[in-house]
N, C-alpha and C. Protein backbone atom coordinates (compact mmCIF):
# COMPACT_ATOMS: atom_id res chain seq x y z
N UNK A 1 -32.55 -8.16 -2.74
CA UNK A 1 -31.78 -7.39 -2.24
C UNK A 1 -30.41 -8.19 -1.73
N UNK A 2 -31.00 -9.39 -1.32
CA UNK A 2 -29.87 -9.91 -0.67
C UNK A 2 -29.03 -10.70 -1.71
N UNK A 3 -29.67 -10.97 -2.96
CA UNK A 3 -28.91 -11.47 -3.83
C UNK A 3 -27.66 -10.55 -4.26
N UNK A 4 -28.22 -9.14 -4.49
CA UNK A 4 -27.29 -8.21 -4.81
C UNK A 4 -26.19 -7.87 -3.67
N UNK A 5 -26.31 -8.25 -2.46
CA UNK A 5 -25.44 -7.95 -1.47
C UNK A 5 -24.22 -9.39 -1.27
N UNK A 6 -25.06 -10.54 -1.50
CA UNK A 6 -24.17 -11.75 -1.95
C UNK A 6 -23.07 -11.66 -2.92
N UNK A 7 -23.82 -10.98 -4.14
CA UNK A 7 -22.97 -11.04 -5.27
C UNK A 7 -21.98 -10.02 -5.28
N UNK A 8 -21.99 -8.91 -4.40
CA UNK A 8 -21.13 -7.52 -4.25
C UNK A 8 -20.00 -8.44 -3.20
N UNK A 9 -20.57 -8.86 -2.20
CA UNK A 9 -19.62 -9.63 -1.20
C UNK A 9 -18.63 -10.58 -1.85
N UNK A 10 -19.02 -11.37 -2.88
CA UNK A 10 -18.54 -12.27 -3.76
C UNK A 10 -17.62 -11.45 -4.70
N UNK A 11 -17.96 -10.57 -5.08
CA UNK A 11 -17.13 -9.85 -5.87
C UNK A 11 -15.77 -8.98 -5.11
N UNK A 12 -16.17 -8.50 -4.09
CA UNK A 12 -15.13 -8.19 -3.19
C UNK A 12 -14.11 -9.10 -2.74
N UNK A 13 -14.67 -10.33 -2.35
CA UNK A 13 -13.64 -11.53 -1.92
C UNK A 13 -12.74 -11.80 -3.06
N UNK A 14 -13.34 -11.85 -4.22
CA UNK A 14 -12.47 -12.22 -5.42
C UNK A 14 -11.57 -11.14 -5.81
N UNK A 15 -11.86 -9.92 -5.56
CA UNK A 15 -10.92 -8.74 -5.87
C UNK A 15 -9.80 -9.00 -4.60
N UNK A 16 -9.93 -9.32 -3.39
CA UNK A 16 -9.36 -9.32 -2.35
C UNK A 16 -8.31 -10.24 -2.76
N UNK A 17 -8.83 -11.53 -2.96
CA UNK A 17 -7.76 -12.55 -3.23
C UNK A 17 -6.95 -12.51 -4.48
N UNK A 18 -7.47 -11.82 -5.29
CA UNK A 18 -6.69 -11.49 -6.62
C UNK A 18 -5.60 -10.41 -6.11
N UNK A 19 -5.92 -9.52 -5.42
CA UNK A 19 -4.93 -8.44 -4.90
C UNK A 19 -3.93 -9.36 -4.24
N UNK A 20 -4.07 -10.23 -3.24
CA UNK A 20 -3.32 -10.82 -2.38
C UNK A 20 -2.24 -11.59 -3.24
N UNK A 21 -2.79 -12.38 -4.17
CA UNK A 21 -1.90 -13.26 -5.15
C UNK A 21 -1.12 -12.40 -6.04
N UNK A 22 -1.57 -11.10 -6.40
CA UNK A 22 -0.62 -10.38 -7.19
C UNK A 22 0.49 -9.67 -6.20
N UNK A 23 0.10 -9.27 -5.11
CA UNK A 23 1.15 -8.61 -4.17
C UNK A 23 1.99 -9.70 -3.83
N UNK A 24 1.93 -11.03 -3.81
CA UNK A 24 2.49 -12.18 -3.22
C UNK A 24 3.50 -12.40 -4.40
N UNK A 25 2.99 -12.38 -5.52
CA UNK A 25 3.73 -12.63 -6.76
C UNK A 25 5.04 -11.74 -7.16
N UNK A 26 4.31 -10.38 -6.76
CA UNK A 26 5.36 -9.32 -6.85
C UNK A 26 6.52 -9.37 -5.73
N UNK A 27 6.24 -9.74 -4.52
CA UNK A 27 7.09 -9.74 -3.27
C UNK A 27 8.18 -10.98 -3.74
N UNK A 28 7.34 -12.17 -4.31
CA UNK A 28 8.40 -13.07 -4.84
C UNK A 28 9.70 -12.80 -5.79
N UNK A 29 8.83 -12.00 -6.68
CA UNK A 29 9.75 -11.65 -8.11
C UNK A 29 10.64 -10.36 -7.57
N UNK A 30 10.46 -9.51 -6.78
CA UNK A 30 11.16 -8.55 -6.51
C UNK A 30 12.02 -8.60 -5.18
N UNK A 31 11.41 -9.28 -4.07
CA UNK A 31 12.18 -9.31 -2.70
C UNK A 31 12.42 -10.80 -2.44
N UNK A 32 11.92 -12.05 -3.39
CA UNK A 32 12.15 -13.07 -2.91
C UNK A 32 13.44 -13.66 -3.04
N UNK A 33 13.73 -14.95 -2.97
CA UNK A 33 15.18 -15.47 -3.24
C UNK A 33 15.59 -16.24 -2.23
N UNK A 34 15.10 -15.95 -0.99
CA UNK A 34 15.54 -16.74 0.08
C UNK A 34 17.05 -16.57 0.26
N UNK A 35 17.59 -18.02 0.39
CA UNK A 35 19.13 -18.28 0.50
C UNK A 35 19.67 -19.15 -0.62
N UNK A 36 18.78 -18.67 -2.10
CA UNK A 36 19.40 -19.42 -3.04
C UNK A 36 20.67 -18.87 -3.53
N UNK A 37 21.60 -19.91 -4.02
CA UNK A 37 22.86 -19.28 -4.66
C UNK A 37 22.70 -18.52 -5.82
N UNK A 38 21.55 -18.61 -6.28
CA UNK A 38 21.44 -17.43 -7.49
C UNK A 38 20.91 -16.46 -7.12
N UNK A 39 20.49 -16.02 -5.87
CA UNK A 39 20.01 -14.74 -5.42
C UNK A 39 21.19 -14.06 -4.97
N UNK A 40 21.33 -12.47 -5.85
CA UNK A 40 22.25 -11.55 -5.15
C UNK A 40 21.35 -10.68 -4.21
N UNK A 41 22.28 -9.54 -4.01
CA UNK A 41 21.57 -8.51 -3.02
C UNK A 41 20.23 -8.34 -3.41
N UNK A 42 19.09 -8.25 -2.25
CA UNK A 42 17.87 -8.24 -2.51
C UNK A 42 16.90 -9.01 -3.04
N UNK A 43 17.57 -10.06 -3.07
CA UNK A 43 16.87 -11.54 -3.61
C UNK A 43 16.71 -11.39 -5.29
N UNK A 44 17.48 -10.45 -5.94
CA UNK A 44 17.36 -10.69 -7.45
C UNK A 44 18.49 -11.73 -7.86
N UNK A 45 18.08 -12.41 -8.85
CA UNK A 45 18.96 -13.40 -9.64
C UNK A 45 20.03 -13.12 -10.30
N UNK A 46 21.27 -13.29 -9.90
CA UNK A 46 22.37 -12.89 -10.81
C UNK A 46 23.01 -13.88 -11.59
N UNK A 47 21.99 -14.93 -11.80
CA UNK A 47 22.36 -15.75 -13.08
C UNK A 47 21.45 -15.27 -14.15
N UNK A 48 22.13 -15.34 -15.55
CA UNK A 48 21.52 -15.06 -16.79
C UNK A 48 20.30 -15.94 -17.24
N UNK A 49 19.36 -15.64 -17.79
CA UNK A 49 18.28 -16.74 -18.30
C UNK A 49 18.93 -17.78 -19.24
N UNK A 50 18.60 -18.98 -18.89
CA UNK A 50 19.10 -20.10 -19.63
C UNK A 50 20.77 -20.66 -19.08
N UNK A 51 21.33 -19.75 -18.27
CA UNK A 51 22.62 -20.32 -17.60
C UNK A 51 22.07 -21.16 -16.50
N UNK A 52 23.11 -22.31 -16.44
CA UNK A 52 22.71 -23.19 -15.19
C UNK A 52 23.28 -22.62 -13.98
N UNK A 53 22.45 -22.72 -12.84
CA UNK A 53 22.94 -22.30 -11.56
C UNK A 53 24.14 -23.05 -10.97
N UNK A 54 24.95 -22.30 -10.57
CA UNK A 54 26.09 -23.57 -9.84
C UNK A 54 25.61 -23.38 -8.42
N UNK A 55 25.86 -24.57 -7.97
CA UNK A 55 25.78 -25.30 -6.43
C UNK A 55 26.61 -24.15 -5.51
N UNK A 56 26.27 -23.89 -4.34
CA UNK A 56 27.28 -22.90 -3.69
C UNK A 56 28.60 -24.02 -3.08
N UNK A 57 29.46 -23.21 -2.72
CA UNK A 57 30.61 -24.13 -2.25
C UNK A 57 30.40 -24.64 -0.77
N UNK A 58 31.28 -25.61 -0.65
CA UNK A 58 31.15 -26.33 0.80
C UNK A 58 31.34 -25.11 1.93
N UNK A 59 30.79 -24.97 2.91
CA UNK A 59 31.02 -24.01 3.74
C UNK A 59 29.91 -22.88 3.85
N UNK A 60 29.05 -22.95 2.45
CA UNK A 60 28.10 -21.91 2.22
C UNK A 60 28.27 -20.66 1.92
N UNK A 61 29.55 -20.23 1.60
CA UNK A 61 30.05 -19.06 1.49
C UNK A 61 30.10 -18.97 -0.31
N UNK A 62 29.85 -17.74 -0.86
CA UNK A 62 30.07 -17.46 -2.29
C UNK A 62 31.43 -17.18 -2.54
N UNK A 63 31.87 -17.58 -3.49
CA UNK A 63 33.27 -16.99 -3.90
C UNK A 63 33.43 -15.63 -4.33
N UNK A 64 34.41 -15.02 -3.99
CA UNK A 64 34.67 -13.49 -4.32
C UNK A 64 34.88 -13.57 -5.79
N UNK A 65 34.86 -12.43 -6.43
CA UNK A 65 34.94 -12.30 -7.90
C UNK A 65 36.50 -12.37 -8.14
N UNK A 66 37.04 -13.23 -9.02
CA UNK A 66 38.33 -13.14 -9.27
C UNK A 66 39.28 -12.01 -9.46
N UNK A 67 38.49 -11.25 -10.39
CA UNK A 67 39.24 -10.09 -10.88
C UNK A 67 38.02 -9.04 -11.27
N UNK A 68 38.69 -7.74 -11.31
CA UNK A 68 37.58 -6.53 -11.43
C UNK A 68 36.84 -6.66 -12.77
N UNK A 69 37.43 -7.57 -13.82
CA UNK A 69 36.51 -7.64 -14.79
C UNK A 69 35.51 -8.35 -14.79
N UNK A 70 35.40 -9.42 -13.90
CA UNK A 70 34.54 -10.26 -13.79
C UNK A 70 33.40 -9.86 -12.76
N UNK A 71 33.30 -8.81 -12.17
CA UNK A 71 32.31 -7.93 -11.50
C UNK A 71 31.23 -7.76 -12.37
N UNK A 72 29.99 -7.96 -11.72
CA UNK A 72 28.90 -7.30 -12.65
C UNK A 72 28.82 -6.18 -12.85
N UNK A 73 28.14 -5.65 -14.09
CA UNK A 73 28.62 -4.07 -14.72
C UNK A 73 27.49 -3.28 -13.87
N UNK A 74 27.92 -1.97 -13.52
CA UNK A 74 27.04 -1.34 -12.93
C UNK A 74 25.60 -1.08 -13.42
N UNK A 75 24.57 -0.90 -13.06
CA UNK A 75 23.28 -0.77 -13.62
C UNK A 75 23.01 0.69 -13.36
N UNK A 76 22.35 1.45 -14.04
CA UNK A 76 21.82 2.74 -13.70
C UNK A 76 20.82 2.76 -13.01
N UNK A 77 20.84 3.72 -12.15
CA UNK A 77 19.78 3.85 -10.98
C UNK A 77 18.46 3.93 -11.60
N UNK A 78 17.66 3.22 -10.61
CA UNK A 78 16.07 3.02 -11.00
C UNK A 78 15.52 4.47 -11.12
N UNK A 79 14.45 4.47 -12.00
CA UNK A 79 13.88 5.71 -12.25
C UNK A 79 13.16 6.12 -10.90
N UNK A 80 13.13 7.36 -10.74
CA UNK A 80 12.77 7.99 -9.29
C UNK A 80 11.11 7.91 -9.55
N UNK A 81 10.39 7.60 -8.79
CA UNK A 81 8.96 7.69 -8.58
C UNK A 81 8.56 7.67 -7.28
N UNK A 82 7.25 7.72 -7.20
CA UNK A 82 6.43 7.69 -5.91
C UNK A 82 6.72 6.39 -5.21
N UNK A 83 6.85 6.52 -3.85
CA UNK A 83 6.80 5.46 -3.06
C UNK A 83 5.25 4.93 -2.81
N UNK A 84 5.01 3.69 -3.11
CA UNK A 84 3.84 3.53 -3.00
C UNK A 84 3.33 2.94 -1.58
N UNK A 85 2.17 3.26 -1.33
CA UNK A 85 1.56 2.48 0.12
C UNK A 85 1.11 1.14 -0.37
N UNK A 86 0.15 1.26 -1.18
CA UNK A 86 -0.61 0.18 -2.06
C UNK A 86 -0.39 0.39 -3.47
N UNK A 87 -1.27 -0.68 -4.25
CA UNK A 87 -0.94 -0.69 -5.67
C UNK A 87 -1.52 0.79 -6.28
N UNK A 88 -2.63 1.23 -5.59
CA UNK A 88 -3.19 2.47 -6.14
C UNK A 88 -2.92 3.79 -5.42
N UNK A 89 -2.18 3.67 -4.41
CA UNK A 89 -2.21 5.03 -3.55
C UNK A 89 -0.54 5.17 -3.40
N UNK A 90 -0.17 6.08 -3.49
CA UNK A 90 1.35 6.79 -3.14
C UNK A 90 1.25 7.14 -1.42
N UNK A 91 2.31 6.76 -1.03
CA UNK A 91 2.62 6.92 0.58
C UNK A 91 2.37 8.52 0.61
N UNK A 92 2.84 9.39 -0.13
CA UNK A 92 2.72 10.69 0.21
C UNK A 92 1.26 11.15 0.22
N UNK A 93 -0.03 10.45 -0.35
CA UNK A 93 -1.23 10.78 -0.42
C UNK A 93 -1.73 10.65 1.06
N UNK A 94 -1.12 10.16 2.15
CA UNK A 94 -1.43 10.04 3.43
C UNK A 94 -1.00 10.90 4.42
N UNK A 95 0.16 11.60 3.63
CA UNK A 95 0.95 12.38 5.02
C UNK A 95 0.02 13.64 5.81
N UNK A 96 0.54 14.12 6.63
CA UNK A 96 -0.17 15.22 7.18
C UNK A 96 0.09 16.70 6.25
N UNK A 97 -0.79 17.22 6.21
CA UNK A 97 -0.90 18.39 5.28
C UNK A 97 -0.80 19.70 6.07
N UNK A 98 -0.03 19.50 7.18
CA UNK A 98 0.24 20.87 8.00
C UNK A 98 1.17 21.62 7.35
N UNK A 99 1.18 23.11 7.98
CA UNK A 99 2.04 24.05 7.52
C UNK A 99 3.41 23.74 7.95
N UNK A 100 3.99 22.58 8.00
CA UNK A 100 5.21 22.12 8.29
C UNK A 100 5.69 22.12 9.68
N UNK A 101 4.74 21.84 10.49
CA UNK A 101 4.87 21.58 12.07
C UNK A 101 5.46 20.32 12.40
N UNK A 102 5.27 19.11 11.57
CA UNK A 102 5.78 17.77 11.96
C UNK A 102 6.51 17.05 10.83
N UNK A 103 6.96 17.90 9.64
CA UNK A 103 7.72 17.07 8.44
C UNK A 103 6.66 16.25 7.82
N UNK A 104 5.44 15.89 7.82
CA UNK A 104 4.47 15.40 7.34
C UNK A 104 4.15 13.72 7.92
N UNK A 105 4.97 13.35 8.72
CA UNK A 105 5.02 12.13 9.19
C UNK A 105 4.97 11.95 10.77
N UNK A 106 4.09 12.42 11.48
CA UNK A 106 3.97 12.42 12.85
C UNK A 106 3.85 10.96 13.37
N UNK A 107 3.03 10.08 12.54
CA UNK A 107 3.20 8.52 12.63
C UNK A 107 2.71 8.07 11.34
N UNK A 108 2.95 6.43 11.36
CA UNK A 108 2.67 5.86 10.17
C UNK A 108 1.25 5.32 9.82
N UNK A 109 0.88 5.22 8.77
CA UNK A 109 -0.58 4.78 8.61
C UNK A 109 -0.64 3.45 8.68
N UNK A 110 -1.81 2.89 9.63
CA UNK A 110 -1.95 1.46 10.08
C UNK A 110 -2.13 0.75 8.50
N UNK A 111 -1.18 -0.42 8.49
CA UNK A 111 -1.13 -1.17 7.28
C UNK A 111 -2.39 -1.72 7.18
N UNK A 112 -3.22 -2.17 8.03
CA UNK A 112 -4.50 -2.84 7.94
C UNK A 112 -5.40 -1.95 7.20
N UNK A 113 -5.15 -0.67 7.65
CA UNK A 113 -6.35 0.45 6.99
C UNK A 113 -6.02 0.54 5.45
N UNK A 114 -4.51 0.56 5.46
CA UNK A 114 -4.32 1.10 3.97
C UNK A 114 -4.91 -0.22 3.03
N UNK A 115 -4.69 -1.51 3.46
CA UNK A 115 -5.14 -2.62 2.69
C UNK A 115 -6.67 -2.48 2.48
N UNK A 116 -7.60 -2.07 3.60
CA UNK A 116 -8.87 -1.85 3.39
C UNK A 116 -9.28 -0.75 2.33
N UNK A 117 -8.57 0.39 2.45
CA UNK A 117 -8.76 1.47 1.58
C UNK A 117 -8.32 0.98 0.00
N UNK A 118 -7.42 0.25 -0.07
CA UNK A 118 -7.16 -0.48 -1.11
C UNK A 118 -8.08 -1.30 -1.95
N UNK A 119 -8.68 -2.11 -1.08
CA UNK A 119 -9.79 -2.96 -1.33
C UNK A 119 -10.92 -2.03 -1.76
N UNK A 120 -11.12 -1.04 -1.12
CA UNK A 120 -12.56 -0.06 -1.32
C UNK A 120 -12.12 0.55 -2.92
N UNK A 121 -10.91 0.81 -3.14
CA UNK A 121 -10.74 1.30 -4.41
C UNK A 121 -10.79 0.58 -5.46
N UNK A 122 -10.44 -0.86 -5.27
CA UNK A 122 -10.65 -2.00 -6.37
C UNK A 122 -12.14 -2.11 -6.32
N UNK A 123 -12.87 -2.10 -5.50
CA UNK A 123 -14.50 -2.19 -5.38
C UNK A 123 -15.33 -1.17 -6.22
N UNK A 124 -14.57 0.09 -6.17
CA UNK A 124 -15.39 1.20 -6.55
C UNK A 124 -14.92 1.05 -8.18
N UNK A 125 -13.62 0.29 -8.48
CA UNK A 125 -13.60 0.32 -9.87
C UNK A 125 -13.01 1.98 -10.68
N UNK A 126 -12.66 2.81 -9.66
CA UNK A 126 -12.25 4.09 -10.35
C UNK A 126 -11.49 4.80 -8.86
N UNK A 127 -10.78 5.87 -9.38
CA UNK A 127 -9.89 6.28 -8.45
C UNK A 127 -10.69 6.92 -7.18
N UNK A 128 -10.03 6.68 -5.89
CA UNK A 128 -10.72 7.21 -4.66
C UNK A 128 -9.45 8.12 -4.27
N UNK A 129 -10.13 9.39 -3.84
CA UNK A 129 -9.17 10.48 -3.44
C UNK A 129 -8.78 10.60 -2.04
N UNK A 130 -7.91 10.74 -1.64
CA UNK A 130 -7.67 10.94 0.14
C UNK A 130 -7.44 12.17 0.20
N UNK A 131 -8.04 12.77 1.13
CA UNK A 131 -8.39 14.07 1.49
C UNK A 131 -7.32 14.48 2.75
N UNK A 132 -7.46 13.34 3.93
CA UNK A 132 -6.54 13.60 4.95
C UNK A 132 -6.45 12.28 5.30
N UNK A 133 -5.04 11.88 5.93
CA UNK A 133 -4.53 10.86 6.44
C UNK A 133 -4.14 10.97 7.88
N UNK A 134 -2.87 10.94 7.93
CA UNK A 134 -2.38 11.19 9.13
C UNK A 134 -2.33 12.87 9.52
N UNK A 135 -2.54 13.17 10.78
CA UNK A 135 -2.39 14.52 11.21
C UNK A 135 -1.57 14.46 12.42
N UNK A 136 -0.85 15.49 12.69
CA UNK A 136 -0.08 16.03 13.59
C UNK A 136 -1.17 16.87 14.68
N UNK A 137 -0.89 17.05 15.84
CA UNK A 137 -1.55 17.57 16.89
C UNK A 137 -2.34 18.75 16.29
N UNK A 138 -1.07 19.72 15.89
CA UNK A 138 -1.62 21.23 15.57
C UNK A 138 -2.49 20.93 14.47
N UNK A 139 -2.23 20.42 13.26
CA UNK A 139 -3.17 20.07 12.18
C UNK A 139 -4.49 19.78 12.46
N UNK A 140 -4.53 18.70 13.67
CA UNK A 140 -5.76 18.00 13.97
C UNK A 140 -6.57 19.41 14.61
N UNK A 141 -5.84 19.99 15.30
CA UNK A 141 -6.54 21.23 16.13
C UNK A 141 -6.99 22.24 14.87
N UNK A 142 -6.35 22.57 13.83
CA UNK A 142 -6.78 23.15 12.73
C UNK A 142 -7.95 22.87 12.05
N UNK A 143 -8.38 22.05 11.77
CA UNK A 143 -9.25 21.07 11.15
C UNK A 143 -10.39 21.06 12.18
N UNK A 144 -10.46 21.27 13.24
CA UNK A 144 -11.53 20.96 14.35
C UNK A 144 -11.41 19.49 14.68
N UNK A 145 -10.57 18.63 14.30
CA UNK A 145 -10.54 17.25 14.72
C UNK A 145 -10.91 17.05 16.22
N UNK A 146 -11.40 15.88 16.85
CA UNK A 146 -11.71 15.49 18.15
C UNK A 146 -10.26 15.21 18.61
N UNK A 147 -10.00 15.56 20.09
CA UNK A 147 -8.97 15.23 20.77
C UNK A 147 -8.23 13.58 20.50
N UNK A 148 -9.39 12.86 20.21
CA UNK A 148 -9.03 11.43 20.51
C UNK A 148 -9.00 10.87 19.00
N UNK A 149 -8.77 11.75 18.02
CA UNK A 149 -8.85 11.31 16.83
C UNK A 149 -7.61 10.33 16.04
N UNK A 150 -8.57 9.54 15.59
CA UNK A 150 -7.65 8.13 14.97
C UNK A 150 -6.86 8.66 13.87
N UNK A 151 -6.92 10.00 13.43
CA UNK A 151 -6.00 10.41 12.54
C UNK A 151 -4.54 10.55 13.00
N UNK A 152 -4.81 11.09 14.54
CA UNK A 152 -3.47 11.30 14.91
C UNK A 152 -2.54 10.06 15.19
N UNK A 153 -3.36 8.88 14.95
CA UNK A 153 -2.63 7.56 15.21
C UNK A 153 -2.29 6.72 13.95
N UNK A 154 -2.72 7.47 13.00
CA UNK A 154 -2.41 6.87 11.30
C UNK A 154 -3.63 5.45 11.36
N UNK A 155 -4.79 5.74 11.86
CA UNK A 155 -5.97 4.91 12.06
C UNK A 155 -7.18 5.24 10.94
N UNK A 156 -7.21 6.29 10.45
CA UNK A 156 -8.14 7.05 9.79
C UNK A 156 -7.79 7.73 8.58
N UNK A 157 -8.73 7.65 7.72
CA UNK A 157 -8.57 8.52 6.34
C UNK A 157 -10.08 9.07 6.11
N UNK A 158 -9.91 10.45 5.29
CA UNK A 158 -11.02 10.86 4.63
C UNK A 158 -10.85 10.93 3.46
N UNK A 159 -11.69 10.51 2.45
CA UNK A 159 -11.66 10.12 1.19
C UNK A 159 -12.97 10.38 0.54
N UNK A 160 -12.72 10.35 -1.00
CA UNK A 160 -14.19 10.35 -1.73
C UNK A 160 -13.84 9.75 -3.10
N UNK A 161 -15.01 9.41 -3.79
CA UNK A 161 -14.78 8.74 -5.14
C UNK A 161 -15.60 9.36 -6.08
N UNK A 162 -15.13 10.17 -7.11
CA UNK A 162 -15.87 11.08 -7.92
C UNK A 162 -16.77 10.16 -8.68
N UNK A 163 -17.90 10.83 -8.55
CA UNK A 163 -19.14 9.65 -9.32
C UNK A 163 -19.83 8.80 -8.33
N UNK A 164 -19.42 8.62 -7.08
CA UNK A 164 -19.99 7.68 -6.38
C UNK A 164 -20.45 8.24 -5.14
N UNK A 165 -21.82 7.98 -4.83
CA UNK A 165 -22.67 8.91 -3.86
C UNK A 165 -21.92 8.71 -2.35
N UNK A 166 -21.62 9.38 -1.52
CA UNK A 166 -21.23 9.15 -0.19
C UNK A 166 -21.82 7.97 0.31
N UNK A 167 -23.14 8.02 0.15
CA UNK A 167 -23.94 6.92 0.89
C UNK A 167 -23.44 5.33 0.41
N UNK A 168 -23.28 5.16 -0.77
CA UNK A 168 -22.64 3.96 -1.76
C UNK A 168 -21.46 3.69 -1.09
N UNK A 169 -20.56 4.73 -1.27
CA UNK A 169 -19.12 4.46 -0.59
C UNK A 169 -19.13 3.94 0.45
N UNK A 170 -19.76 4.59 1.60
CA UNK A 170 -19.90 4.13 3.12
C UNK A 170 -20.30 2.73 3.31
N UNK A 171 -21.22 2.46 2.15
CA UNK A 171 -21.89 0.76 2.42
C UNK A 171 -20.61 -0.02 1.96
N UNK A 172 -19.99 0.44 1.05
CA UNK A 172 -18.70 -0.61 0.51
C UNK A 172 -17.77 -0.56 1.44
N UNK A 173 -17.46 0.69 2.11
CA UNK A 173 -16.48 0.60 3.18
C UNK A 173 -16.98 -0.47 4.49
N UNK A 174 -18.01 -0.41 4.96
CA UNK A 174 -18.66 -1.04 6.04
C UNK A 174 -18.65 -2.56 5.34
N UNK A 175 -18.82 -2.98 4.40
CA UNK A 175 -18.64 -4.23 4.03
C UNK A 175 -17.32 -4.94 4.09
N UNK A 176 -16.52 -4.00 3.80
CA UNK A 176 -14.89 -4.20 4.07
C UNK A 176 -14.53 -4.31 5.26
N UNK A 177 -15.33 -3.93 6.38
CA UNK A 177 -14.93 -3.88 7.57
C UNK A 177 -14.56 -2.66 8.41
N UNK A 178 -14.76 -1.51 7.38
CA UNK A 178 -14.31 -0.39 8.09
C UNK A 178 -15.46 0.47 8.89
N UNK A 179 -14.97 1.19 9.85
CA UNK A 179 -15.78 2.19 10.73
C UNK A 179 -16.17 3.46 9.68
N UNK A 180 -17.44 3.75 9.43
CA UNK A 180 -17.45 5.24 8.73
C UNK A 180 -18.52 6.23 9.44
N UNK A 181 -17.97 7.41 8.91
CA UNK A 181 -18.76 8.71 9.31
C UNK A 181 -18.97 9.20 7.92
N UNK A 182 -19.93 9.14 7.51
CA UNK A 182 -20.06 9.65 6.02
C UNK A 182 -20.70 11.27 6.46
N UNK A 183 -20.05 12.25 5.65
CA UNK A 183 -20.25 13.62 5.57
C UNK A 183 -20.72 14.01 4.26
N UNK A 184 -22.25 13.97 4.39
CA UNK A 184 -22.94 14.01 2.88
C UNK A 184 -22.88 15.09 2.48
N UNK A 185 -22.97 16.45 3.34
CA UNK A 185 -23.01 17.94 2.91
C UNK A 185 -21.58 18.16 2.32
N UNK A 186 -20.76 17.44 2.79
CA UNK A 186 -19.21 18.04 2.42
C UNK A 186 -18.80 16.83 1.08
N UNK A 187 -19.67 15.93 0.92
CA UNK A 187 -19.16 14.91 -0.04
C UNK A 187 -17.95 13.85 0.11
N UNK A 188 -17.72 13.63 1.52
CA UNK A 188 -16.73 12.82 1.76
C UNK A 188 -16.91 11.86 2.82
N UNK A 189 -16.03 10.78 2.92
CA UNK A 189 -16.29 9.75 3.83
C UNK A 189 -15.13 9.62 5.08
N UNK A 190 -15.36 9.53 6.29
CA UNK A 190 -14.31 9.38 7.11
C UNK A 190 -14.26 7.77 7.37
N UNK A 191 -13.13 7.18 7.24
CA UNK A 191 -13.23 5.94 7.54
C UNK A 191 -12.11 5.58 8.69
N UNK A 192 -12.14 4.39 9.36
CA UNK A 192 -11.26 4.26 10.32
C UNK A 192 -11.50 2.54 10.66
N UNK A 193 -10.38 2.08 11.39
CA UNK A 193 -10.38 0.69 11.70
C UNK A 193 -10.10 0.82 13.33
C-alpha cells in the first residue's frame, strides 16, 4: 500500500511540474518579451522570423513609423472563446449560479485553490465537473450553506469526476493539500483550502 501511495504522489508531482513548465512556457510565449526591442505591445515580437533585430536607438525610445504605409497591418480580432481560469477550467465554471443577485462574481476564486483543482483534474485523467464555486450571500442561504462558508470568499468548490468514486476523489484531493468534505450520498466532493 505504501508503494502505491508513493507512486501516486510521484505521479502527481510529475504532473504538477509538467503543468508549471507548460504554463511558464505559455507565459513566455504570449506575455513575455520584457523590454526587448523586438517586443511590441503585449510582449509579441514585431520582427518577422528570419529578420535581424535592430538595436534600440540611443535614449531607449523606438522610432515612430515614417509613414502610414509602414505601419503593421491590422490583424483580425482573435476568436472569442471562454476565459480560462486554468488549462482545463473556464472561469465561468466557478461563477455564482444565483438568480441574478450578484452578477455572478461576488468575489474571485482563490488562485491557489484553482491550481489545486487543476492538479486534481490532471491526477484523475478525465474531466472534473464544478457544481458550485463562488456564492453570494443569497445563493449560499438558498442552498443551505453555513454562514461562514468558504464559497462566499472564493475558497471552496463542489465537484465530482464521472466514473471516480467520491472516496477516491477525496483521497486524491487530500494528497494535493485540500481540505475535503465528501458527500457520498449526493456523489460530490466539497474542497477548500
